[in-house]
């Protein structure tokens, strides 16, 4: 599942990078929880949680079977 998550994250990276940010994959758990760390401008952005849920989580859940949730660390 980790390779599929990495591939799916590549789809959202351009959106984040356009605003000076990025995302780092920290962990994919066996129970379908994906842990990410926001970087750059996204790291300290008050809207980072919204970005994680509305963009990253939506994309990963749609693209990768078994992904249940994305959380920021």
Protein backbone atom coordinates (compact mmCIF):
# COMPACT_ATOMS: atom_id res chain seq x y z
CA UNK A 1 0.00 0.00 0.00
CA UNK A 2 2.89 2.37 0.73
CA UNK A 3 3.97 2.55 -2.92
CA UNK A 4 0.42 3.39 -4.00
CA UNK A 5 0.25 6.14 -1.36
CA UNK A 6 3.54 7.61 -2.60
CA UNK A 7 2.26 7.60 -6.17
CA UNK A 8 -1.02 9.24 -5.16
CA UNK A 9 0.78 11.95 -3.15
CA UNK A 10 2.59 12.93 -6.35
CA UNK A 11 -0.80 14.09 -7.68
CA UNK A 12 -1.32 16.61 -4.88
CA UNK A 13 2.26 17.86 -4.62
CA UNK A 14 1.95 20.42 -7.46
CA UNK A 15 -1.02 22.02 -5.67
CA UNK A 16 0.98 22.39 -2.46
CA UNK A 17 4.19 23.45 -4.18
CA UNK A 18 2.38 26.19 -6.05
CA UNK A 19 1.80 27.84 -2.66
CA UNK A 20 5.33 27.19 -1.37
CA UNK A 21 4.55 24.01 0.56
CA UNK A 22 4.92 20.27 0.30
CA UNK A 23 3.99 17.05 2.08
CA UNK A 24 6.20 14.30 3.51
CA UNK A 25 4.95 10.75 4.02
CA UNK A 26 5.79 9.68 7.57
CA UNK A 27 4.03 6.33 7.91
CA UNK A 28 1.35 4.07 6.49
CA UNK A 29 -0.10 1.85 9.22
CA UNK A 30 -1.50 -1.63 8.71
CA UNK A 31 -4.98 -0.39 9.60
CA UNK A 32 -5.05 2.20 6.79
CA UNK A 33 -3.97 5.35 8.59
CA UNK A 34 -1.58 7.54 6.60
CA UNK A 35 0.57 9.95 8.60
CA UNK A 36 1.97 12.98 6.81
CA UNK A 37 4.00 16.04 7.75
CA UNK A 38 3.26 19.32 6.04
CA UNK A 39 6.35 21.24 4.96
CA UNK A 40 7.33 24.71 3.80
CA UNK A 41 4.55 27.26 3.78
CA UNK A 42 2.04 24.50 4.53
CA UNK A 43 3.88 23.53 7.72
CA UNK A 44 2.77 26.58 9.66
CA UNK A 45 -0.38 27.37 7.75
CA UNK A 46 -3.60 27.62 9.77
CA UNK A 47 -5.38 25.85 6.90
CA UNK A 48 -3.05 22.81 6.94
CA UNK A 49 -5.63 20.55 8.60
CA UNK A 50 -8.18 21.52 5.95
CA UNK A 51 -5.62 20.77 3.23
CA UNK A 52 -4.90 17.37 4.77
CA UNK A 53 -8.58 16.42 4.99
CA UNK A 54 -10.03 18.04 1.89
CA UNK A 55 -7.23 17.50 -0.62
CA UNK A 56 -4.78 14.85 0.56
CA UNK A 57 -7.20 12.51 2.34
CA UNK A 58 -9.81 12.73 -0.43
CA UNK A 59 -7.20 11.90 -3.07
CA UNK A 60 -5.67 9.00 -1.15
CA UNK A 61 -9.00 7.44 -0.15
CA UNK A 62 -10.15 7.59 -3.77
CA UNK A 63 -6.87 6.29 -5.23
CA UNK A 64 -5.63 3.71 -2.73
CA UNK A 65 -7.82 0.86 -1.50
CA UNK A 66 -7.41 0.41 2.25
CA UNK A 67 -6.64 4.02 3.14
CA UNK A 68 -9.13 5.08 5.82
CA UNK A 69 -7.75 8.36 7.12
CA UNK A 70 -4.89 10.82 6.73
CA UNK A 71 -3.53 12.58 9.79
CA UNK A 72 -0.90 15.26 10.23
CA UNK A 73 1.99 14.75 12.61
